[in-house]
Amino acid sequence: MSTKTHQPLKPQQQLTLSVAIRDDARFANYYAGPNEQVVHDLQKQWTLNGEPFLYLWGAPGVGCSHLLQAACHYAEGLGHQSVYLPLDELVEYSPAVLDSMEQLPLVALDNIQVVAGNAEWEEGLFHLFNRIRDRQGHLLIAANGSPKTLGIELPDLESRLTWGMVYQVEPLENDDKAQALLLRAKRRGLNMSEEVARFILSRGPQEMQGLFDLLDRLDQASLSAQRKLTIPFIKTELDW
């Protein structure tokens, strides 16, 4: 993206913003652990009793971005167009980037905390929320804190953030992290035992993205060496 400040995007460019979505960010490879209700309600959005507005918050690494992108994939699978907007990548542009986004059935706004205190962006989001509601659309929001702790200066916008359900996405405990690793390995077609998963946990990074990045590295190494993913192999490969 351009480094120019407040560079507006042309309307025809806006719908291409969803390219930021990751193909592997799906519910199928997200281990919910204590967050089963969050996943349930994200999928329930498209039922008659579903909540069209959901706000997710949690510390970095708990999976809020994954969940928003997974919800977009899920919506697309049901035939609903969606757009994923990582505001940390878009804040350098004018909030005109939000124009006409309400025409899509699902809008997912990630890292909304980065626009807190930015009057132009706060007003732009306020009007987008109203347009989505008027069209009976669906909105997902993710941030690193609850609506009341973000430092939003526009009172009407702060109230919009609590229109629907607000969920704190909880971090995984070690047992759940092991299961998350096993699930991700299985989805990659990688044969890994629980013993190996727990060994990686004991030596590797504690945040899930770091663990998944490590798993990617080990997967490539095992393929190149034509070796199974065993503890001795991991010790050699990672110099542990």
C-alpha atoms as a PDB file:
ATOM      1  CA  MET A   1       0.000   0.000   0.000  1.00  0.00           C
ATOM      2  CA  SER A   2       1.006   3.598  -0.544  1.00  0.00           C
ATOM      3  CA  THR A   3       2.706   5.398   2.284  1.00  0.00           C
ATOM      4  CA  LYS A   4       0.811   8.619   1.587  1.00  0.00           C
ATOM      5  CA  THR A   5      -1.441   9.773   4.393  1.00  0.00           C
ATOM      6  CA  HIS A   6      -5.205   9.795   3.805  1.00  0.00           C
ATOM      7  CA  GLN A   7      -4.954   8.564   0.225  1.00  0.00           C
ATOM      8  CA  PRO A   8      -8.581   7.929  -0.857  1.00  0.00           C
ATOM      9  CA  LEU A   9      -9.464   4.742  -2.669  1.00  0.00           C
ATOM     10  CA  LYS A  10     -11.653   4.813  -5.736  1.00  0.00           C
ATOM     11  CA  PRO A  11     -15.015   3.015  -5.352  1.00  0.00           C
ATOM     12  CA  GLN A  12     -14.025   0.311  -7.832  1.00  0.00           C
ATOM     13  CA  GLN A  13     -10.943  -0.453  -5.737  1.00  0.00           C
ATOM     14  CA  GLN A  14     -12.821  -0.998  -2.513  1.00  0.00           C
ATOM     15  CA  LEU A  15     -14.129  -4.506  -3.062  1.00  0.00           C
ATOM     16  CA  THR A  16     -10.610  -5.771  -3.763  1.00  0.00           C
ATOM     17  CA  LEU A  17      -9.656  -5.171  -0.132  1.00  0.00           C
ATOM     18  CA  SER A  18     -10.836  -8.629   0.876  1.00  0.00           C
ATOM     19  CA  VAL A  19      -7.637 -10.076  -0.661  1.00  0.00           C
ATOM     20  CA  ALA A  20      -6.125  -9.667   2.814  1.00  0.00           C
ATOM     21  CA  ILE A  21      -8.075 -12.719   3.964  1.00  0.00           C
ATOM     22  CA  ARG A  22      -6.061 -15.870   4.588  1.00  0.00           C
ATOM     23  CA  ASP A  23      -7.243 -19.051   2.937  1.00  0.00           C
ATOM     24  CA  ASP A  24      -6.324 -21.145   5.992  1.00  0.00           C
ATOM     25  CA  ALA A  25      -8.230 -18.919   8.431  1.00  0.00           C
ATOM     26  CA  ARG A  26     -11.292 -21.121   8.764  1.00  0.00           C
ATOM     27  CA  PHE A  27     -13.431 -22.515  11.551  1.00  0.00           C
ATOM     28  CA  ALA A  28     -12.288 -26.024  10.608  1.00  0.00           C
ATOM     29  CA  ASN A  29      -8.734 -25.368  11.799  1.00  0.00           C
ATOM     30  CA  TYR A  30      -9.574 -23.166  14.772  1.00  0.00           C
ATOM     31  CA  TYR A  31      -9.494 -25.000  18.089  1.00  0.00           C
ATOM     32  CA  ALA A  32     -12.168 -23.206  20.085  1.00  0.00           C
ATOM     33  CA  GLY A  33     -11.377 -24.446  23.582  1.00  0.00           C
ATOM     34  CA  PRO A  34     -13.074 -21.941  25.933  1.00  0.00           C
ATOM     35  CA  ASN A  35     -14.389 -19.961  22.952  1.00  0.00           C
ATOM     36  CA  GLU A  36     -16.968 -22.427  21.647  1.00  0.00           C
ATOM     37  CA  GLN A  37     -19.829 -19.981  22.233  1.00  0.00           C
ATOM     38  CA  VAL A  38     -18.077 -17.349  20.134  1.00  0.00           C
ATOM     39  CA  VAL A  39     -17.710 -19.732  17.194  1.00  0.00           C
ATOM     40  CA  HIS A  40     -21.296 -20.886  17.625  1.00  0.00           C
ATOM     41  CA  ASP A  41     -22.664 -17.348  17.506  1.00  0.00           C
ATOM     42  CA  LEU A  42     -20.497 -16.368  14.540  1.00  0.00           C
ATOM     43  CA  GLN A  43     -22.055 -19.219  12.581  1.00  0.00           C
ATOM     44  CA  LYS A  44     -25.500 -18.519  14.010  1.00  0.00           C
ATOM     45  CA  GLN A  45     -25.365 -14.995  12.544  1.00  0.00           C
ATOM     46  CA  TRP A  46     -27.019 -16.274   9.407  1.00  0.00           C
ATOM     47  CA  THR A  47     -30.012 -17.880  11.120  1.00  0.00           C
ATOM     48  CA  LEU A  48     -33.277 -16.155  12.004  1.00  0.00           C
ATOM     49  CA  ASN A  49     -32.285 -16.031  15.676  1.00  0.00           C
ATOM     50  CA  GLY A  50     -28.729 -14.923  15.017  1.00  0.00           C
ATOM     51  CA  GLU A  51     -27.217 -11.651  16.204  1.00  0.00           C
ATOM     52  CA  PRO A  52     -26.204  -9.496  13.197  1.00  0.00           C
ATOM     53  CA  PHE A  53     -23.692  -7.406  15.206  1.00  0.00           C
ATOM     54  CA  LEU A  54     -20.850  -9.111  17.109  1.00  0.00           C
ATOM     55  CA  TYR A  55     -17.851  -7.535  18.801  1.00  0.00           C
ATOM     56  CA  LEU A  56     -14.831  -9.689  19.706  1.00  0.00           C
ATOM     57  CA  TRP A  57     -11.922  -8.569  21.799  1.00  0.00           C
ATOM     58  CA  GLY A  58      -8.848 -10.138  23.304  1.00  0.00           C
ATOM     59  CA  ALA A  59      -5.107  -9.935  23.722  1.00  0.00           C
ATOM     60  CA  PRO A  60      -2.875 -10.285  20.646  1.00  0.00           C
ATOM     61  CA  GLY A  61      -2.569 -13.905  19.584  1.00  0.00           C
ATOM     62  CA  VAL A  62      -5.899 -15.217  20.899  1.00  0.00           C
ATOM     63  CA  GLY A  63      -7.320 -15.547  17.382  1.00  0.00           C
ATOM     64  CA  CYS A  64      -9.682 -12.603  16.835  1.00  0.00           C
ATOM     65  CA  SER A  65      -8.357 -12.000  13.328  1.00  0.00           C
ATOM     66  CA  HIS A  66      -8.609 -15.705  12.523  1.00  0.00           C
ATOM     67  CA  LEU A  67     -12.232 -15.745  13.674  1.00  0.00           C
ATOM     68  CA  LEU A  68     -13.206 -12.706  11.601  1.00  0.00           C
ATOM     69  CA  GLN A  69     -11.645 -14.187   8.483  1.00  0.00           C
ATOM     70  CA  ALA A  70     -13.164 -17.591   9.202  1.00  0.00           C
ATOM     71  CA  ALA A  71     -16.559 -15.907   9.479  1.00  0.00           C
ATOM     72  CA  CYS A  72     -16.018 -14.360   6.047  1.00  0.00           C
ATOM     73  CA  HIS A  73     -15.167 -17.771   4.565  1.00  0.00           C
ATOM     74  CA  TYR A  74     -18.223 -19.242   6.277  1.00  0.00           C
ATOM     75  CA  ALA A  75     -20.497 -16.518   4.906  1.00  0.00           C
ATOM     76  CA  GLU A  76     -19.105 -16.972   1.404  1.00  0.00           C
ATOM     77  CA  GLY A  77     -19.789 -20.699   1.715  1.00  0.00           C
ATOM     78  CA  LEU A  78     -23.440 -19.870   2.373  1.00  0.00           C
ATOM     79  CA  GLY A  79     -23.570 -17.610  -0.666  1.00  0.00           C
ATOM     80  CA  HIS A  80     -23.140 -14.271   1.140  1.00  0.00           C
ATOM     81  CA  GLN A  81     -20.533 -11.800  -0.049  1.00  0.00           C
ATOM     82  CA  SER A  82     -18.246 -10.384   2.619  1.00  0.00           C
ATOM     83  CA  VAL A  83     -15.322  -8.035   3.083  1.00  0.00           C
ATOM     84  CA  TYR A  84     -12.530  -8.203   5.663  1.00  0.00           C
ATOM     85  CA  LEU A  85     -11.054  -4.814   6.539  1.00  0.00           C
ATOM     86  CA  PRO A  86      -7.894  -4.797   8.712  1.00  0.00           C
ATOM     87  CA  LEU A  87      -7.972  -1.205   9.921  1.00  0.00           C
ATOM     88  CA  ASP A  88      -4.325  -1.299  10.972  1.00  0.00           C
ATOM     89  CA  GLU A  89      -3.521  -1.534   7.240  1.00  0.00           C
ATOM     90  CA  LEU A  90      -6.145   0.978   6.111  1.00  0.00           C
ATOM     91  CA  VAL A  91      -5.894   3.774   8.665  1.00  0.00           C
ATOM     92  CA  GLU A  92      -3.376   5.601   6.457  1.00  0.00           C
ATOM     93  CA  TYR A  93      -6.174   6.049   3.924  1.00  0.00           C
ATOM     94  CA  SER A  94      -9.251   8.223   4.081  1.00  0.00           C
ATOM     95  CA  PRO A  95     -12.325   6.640   5.705  1.00  0.00           C
ATOM     96  CA  ALA A  96     -13.873   7.059   2.255  1.00  0.00           C
ATOM     97  CA  VAL A  97     -12.621   3.488   1.866  1.00  0.00           C
ATOM     98  CA  LEU A  98     -15.754   2.533   3.830  1.00  0.00           C
ATOM     99  CA  ASP A  99     -18.119   4.048   1.267  1.00  0.00           C
ATOM    100  CA  SER A 100     -20.620   1.521  -0.114  1.00  0.00           C
ATOM    101  CA  MET A 101     -19.301  -1.309   2.071  1.00  0.00           C
ATOM    102  CA  GLU A 102     -22.799  -1.657   3.534  1.00  0.00           C
ATOM    103  CA  GLN A 103     -23.885  -3.117   0.189  1.00  0.00           C
ATOM    104  CA  LEU A 104     -22.180  -6.363   1.189  1.00  0.00           C
ATOM    105  CA  PRO A 105     -24.065  -8.760   3.487  1.00  0.00           C
ATOM    106  CA  LEU A 106     -21.086  -9.043   5.877  1.00  0.00           C
ATOM    107  CA  VAL A 107     -18.505  -6.438   6.865  1.00  0.00           C
ATOM    108  CA  ALA A 108     -15.677  -7.508   9.209  1.00  0.00           C
ATOM    109  CA  LEU A 109     -13.651  -4.700  10.805  1.00  0.00           C
ATOM    110  CA  ASP A 110     -10.435  -5.863  12.448  1.00  0.00           C
ATOM    111  CA  ASN A 111      -8.143  -3.972  14.841  1.00  0.00           C
ATOM    112  CA  ILE A 112     -10.616  -1.151  15.314  1.00  0.00           C
ATOM    113  CA  GLN A 113      -8.534   0.183  18.219  1.00  0.00           C
ATOM    114  CA  VAL A 114      -6.101   1.815  15.773  1.00  0.00           C
ATOM    115  CA  VAL A 115      -8.650   4.478  14.790  1.00  0.00           C
ATOM    116  CA  ALA A 116      -9.579   5.436  18.370  1.00  0.00           C
ATOM    117  CA  GLY A 117      -9.113   9.182  18.748  1.00  0.00           C
ATOM    118  CA  ASN A 118      -9.017   9.760  14.980  1.00  0.00           C
ATOM    119  CA  ALA A 119     -12.049  12.034  14.522  1.00  0.00           C
ATOM    120  CA  GLU A 120     -12.315  11.487  10.766  1.00  0.00           C
ATOM    121  CA  TRP A 121     -12.242   7.716  11.036  1.00  0.00           C
ATOM    122  CA  GLU A 122     -14.532   7.609  14.062  1.00  0.00           C
ATOM    123  CA  GLU A 123     -17.162   9.582  12.155  1.00  0.00           C
ATOM    124  CA  GLY A 124     -16.714   7.375   9.100  1.00  0.00           C
ATOM    125  CA  LEU A 125     -17.273   4.240  11.168  1.00  0.00           C
ATOM    126  CA  PHE A 126     -20.292   5.775  12.888  1.00  0.00           C
ATOM    127  CA  HIS A 127     -21.986   6.401   9.543  1.00  0.00           C
ATOM    128  CA  LEU A 128     -21.028   2.942   8.243  1.00  0.00           C
ATOM    129  CA  PHE A 129     -22.658   1.318  11.276  1.00  0.00           C
ATOM    130  CA  ASN A 130     -25.857   3.248  10.611  1.00  0.00           C
ATOM    131  CA  ARG A 131     -25.892   2.296   6.934  1.00  0.00           C
ATOM    132  CA  ILE A 132     -25.347  -1.392   7.757  1.00  0.00           C
ATOM    133  CA  ARG A 133     -28.209  -1.315  10.247  1.00  0.00           C
ATOM    134  CA  ASP A 134     -30.499   0.416   7.743  1.00  0.00           C
ATOM    135  CA  ARG A 135     -29.784  -2.321   5.191  1.00  0.00           C
ATOM    136  CA  GLN A 136     -30.154  -5.067   7.835  1.00  0.00           C
ATOM    137  CA  GLY A 137     -26.627  -6.202   7.157  1.00  0.00           C
ATOM    138  CA  HIS A 138     -24.147  -8.099   9.328  1.00  0.00           C
ATOM    139  CA  LEU A 139     -21.158  -6.594  11.089  1.00  0.00           C
ATOM    140  CA  LEU A 140     -18.221  -8.159  12.905  1.00  0.00           C
ATOM    141  CA  ILE A 141     -15.715  -6.114  14.874  1.00  0.00           C
ATOM    142  CA  ALA A 142     -12.468  -7.122  16.568  1.00  0.00           C
ATOM    143  CA  ALA A 143     -10.197  -5.139  18.849  1.00  0.00           C
ATOM    144  CA  ASN A 144      -7.620  -5.607  21.581  1.00  0.00           C
ATOM    145  CA  GLY A 145      -9.954  -4.275  24.252  1.00  0.00           C
ATOM    146  CA  SER A 146     -13.594  -3.924  25.207  1.00  0.00           C
ATOM    147  CA  PRO A 147     -15.637  -1.056  23.702  1.00  0.00           C
ATOM    148  CA  LYS A 148     -15.344   1.033  26.855  1.00  0.00           C
ATOM    149  CA  THR A 149     -11.546   0.747  27.032  1.00  0.00           C
ATOM    150  CA  LEU A 150     -10.577   1.697  23.465  1.00  0.00           C
ATOM    151  CA  GLY A 151     -10.529   5.437  23.979  1.00  0.00           C
ATOM    152  CA  ILE A 152     -13.223   6.156  21.396  1.00  0.00           C
ATOM    153  CA  GLU A 153     -13.961   9.887  21.602  1.00  0.00           C
ATOM    154  CA  LEU A 154     -17.230   9.979  19.639  1.00  0.00           C
ATOM    155  CA  PRO A 155     -19.919   8.947  22.169  1.00  0.00           C
ATOM    156  CA  ASP A 156     -22.348   7.803  19.473  1.00  0.00           C
ATOM    157  CA  LEU A 157     -19.701   5.519  17.976  1.00  0.00           C
ATOM    158  CA  GLU A 158     -18.868   4.037  21.379  1.00  0.00           C
ATOM    159  CA  SER A 159     -22.544   3.199  21.837  1.00  0.00           C
ATOM    160  CA  ARG A 160     -22.663   1.564  18.388  1.00  0.00           C
ATOM    161  CA  LEU A 161     -19.882  -0.802  19.405  1.00  0.00           C
ATOM    162  CA  THR A 162     -22.206  -2.388  21.968  1.00  0.00           C
ATOM    163  CA  TRP A 163     -25.231  -2.732  19.690  1.00  0.00           C
ATOM    164  CA  GLY A 164     -24.920  -6.504  19.613  1.00  0.00           C
ATOM    165  CA  MET A 165     -23.136  -9.184  21.619  1.00  0.00           C
ATOM    166  CA  VAL A 166     -19.684  -8.462  23.025  1.00  0.00           C
ATOM    167  CA  TYR A 167     -17.321 -11.407  23.604  1.00  0.00           C
ATOM    168  CA  GLN A 168     -13.897 -11.633  25.132  1.00  0.00           C
ATOM    169  CA  VAL A 169     -11.885 -14.252  23.249  1.00  0.00           C
ATOM    170  CA  GLU A 170     -10.016 -16.191  25.919  1.00  0.00           C
ATOM    171  CA  PRO A 171      -6.437 -17.446  25.524  1.00  0.00           C
ATOM    172  CA  LEU A 172      -5.871 -21.196  25.433  1.00  0.00           C
ATOM    173  CA  GLU A 173      -4.403 -23.125  28.347  1.00  0.00           C
ATOM    174  CA  ASN A 174      -1.561 -25.553  27.630  1.00  0.00           C
ATOM    175  CA  ASP A 175      -3.822 -28.581  27.171  1.00  0.00           C
ATOM    176  CA  ASP A 176      -5.893 -26.663  24.623  1.00  0.00           C
ATOM    177  CA  LYS A 177      -2.752 -25.366  22.904  1.00  0.00           C
ATOM    178  CA  ALA A 178      -1.624 -28.970  22.411  1.00  0.00           C
ATOM    179  CA  GLN A 179      -4.986 -29.851  20.890  1.00  0.00           C
ATOM    180  CA  ALA A 180      -4.815 -26.766  18.672  1.00  0.00           C
ATOM    181  CA  LEU A 181      -1.404 -27.845  17.399  1.00  0.00           C
ATOM    182  CA  LEU A 182      -2.670 -31.371  16.737  1.00  0.00           C
ATOM    183  CA  LEU A 183      -5.677 -30.011  14.857  1.00  0.00           C
ATOM    184  CA  ARG A 184      -3.527 -27.728  12.716  1.00  0.00           C
ATOM    185  CA  ALA A 185      -1.109 -30.574  11.990  1.00  0.00           C
ATOM    186  CA  LYS A 186      -3.978 -32.866  11.002  1.00  0.00           C
ATOM    187  CA  ARG A 187      -5.406 -30.219   8.671  1.00  0.00           C
ATOM    188  CA  ARG A 188      -1.984 -29.992   7.008  1.00  0.00           C
ATOM    189  CA  GLY A 189      -1.848 -33.776   6.596  1.00  0.00           C
ATOM    190  CA  LEU A 190       1.020 -33.954   9.082  1.00  0.00           C
ATOM    191  CA  ASN A 191       1.215 -36.991  11.351  1.00  0.00           C
ATOM    192  CA  MET A 192       2.078 -35.704  14.824  1.00  0.00           C
ATOM    193  CA  SER A 193       1.623 -37.392  18.174  1.00  0.00           C
ATOM    194  CA  GLU A 194       0.373 -35.685  21.310  1.00  0.00           C
ATOM    195  CA  GLU A 195       3.766 -36.350  22.907  1.00  0.00           C
ATOM    196  CA  VAL A 196       5.440 -34.371  20.122  1.00  0.00           C
ATOM    197  CA  ALA A 197       2.902 -31.569  20.438  1.00  0.00           C
ATOM    198  CA  ARG A 198       3.586 -31.255  24.159  1.00  0.00           C
ATOM    199  CA  PHE A 199       7.332 -31.286  23.561  1.00  0.00           C
ATOM    200  CA  ILE A 200       6.990 -28.391  21.114  1.00  0.00           C
ATOM    201  CA  LEU A 201       4.903 -26.549  23.703  1.00  0.00           C
ATOM    202  CA  SER A 202       7.550 -27.065  26.362  1.00  0.00           C
ATOM    203  CA  ARG A 203      10.308 -25.528  24.240  1.00  0.00           C
ATOM    204  CA  GLY A 204       8.567 -23.314  21.702  1.00  0.00           C
ATOM    205  CA  PRO A 205       6.884 -19.898  21.837  1.00  0.00           C
ATOM    206  CA  GLN A 206       3.836 -19.488  24.036  1.00  0.00           C
ATOM    207  CA  GLU A 207       1.623 -17.535  21.638  1.00  0.00           C
ATOM    208  CA  MET A 208      -0.365 -19.590  19.143  1.00  0.00           C
ATOM    209  CA  GLN A 209       0.807 -17.810  15.989  1.00  0.00           C
ATOM    210  CA  GLY A 210       4.398 -18.456  16.948  1.00  0.00           C
ATOM    211  CA  LEU A 211       3.578 -22.118  17.500  1.00  0.00           C
ATOM    212  CA  PHE A 212       1.816 -22.356  14.142  1.00  0.00           C
ATOM    213  CA  ASP A 213       4.766 -20.690  12.403  1.00  0.00           C
ATOM    214  CA  LEU A 214       7.046 -23.218  14.058  1.00  0.00           C
ATOM    215  CA  LEU A 215       4.779 -26.033  12.898  1.00  0.00           C
ATOM    216  CA  ASP A 216       4.998 -24.712   9.323  1.00  0.00           C
ATOM    217  CA  ARG A 217       8.782 -24.765   9.554  1.00  0.00           C
ATOM    218  CA  LEU A 218       8.827 -28.298  10.918  1.00  0.00           C
ATOM    219  CA  ASP A 219       6.394 -29.474   8.267  1.00  0.00           C
ATOM    220  CA  GLN A 220       8.663 -28.184   5.507  1.00  0.00           C
ATOM    221  CA  ALA A 221      11.733 -29.674   7.172  1.00  0.00           C
ATOM    222  CA  SER A 222      10.143 -33.095   7.555  1.00  0.00           C
ATOM    223  CA  LEU A 223       9.080 -33.082   3.918  1.00  0.00           C
ATOM    224  CA  SER A 224      12.554 -32.089   2.731  1.00  0.00           C
ATOM    225  CA  ALA A 225      14.263 -34.686   4.895  1.00  0.00           C
ATOM    226  CA  GLN A 226      11.602 -37.332   4.293  1.00  0.00           C
ATOM    227  CA  ARG A 227      11.496 -37.850   8.047  1.00  0.00           C
ATOM    228  CA  LYS A 228       8.657 -38.295  10.476  1.00  0.00           C
ATOM    229  CA  LEU A 229       8.034 -35.529  12.987  1.00  0.00           C
ATOM    230  CA  THR A 230       9.659 -37.080  16.049  1.00  0.00           C
ATOM    231  CA  ILE A 231      11.221 -35.512  19.132  1.00  0.00           C
ATOM    232  CA  PRO A 232      14.803 -36.434  18.056  1.00  0.00           C
ATOM    233  CA  PHE A 233      14.167 -34.915  14.614  1.00  0.00           C
ATOM    234  CA  ILE A 234      12.780 -31.705  16.156  1.00  0.00           C
ATOM    235  CA  LYS A 235      15.743 -31.447  18.543  1.00  0.00           C
ATOM    236  CA  THR A 236      18.131 -31.685  15.604  1.00  0.00           C
ATOM    237  CA  GLU A 237      16.207 -29.363  13.311  1.00  0.00           C
ATOM    238  CA  LEU A 238      15.674 -26.632  15.915  1.00  0.00           C
ATOM    239  CA  ASP A 239      18.912 -27.155  17.818  1.00  0.00           C
ATOM    240  CA  TRP A 240      16.974 -27.885  20.995  1.00  0.00           C
END
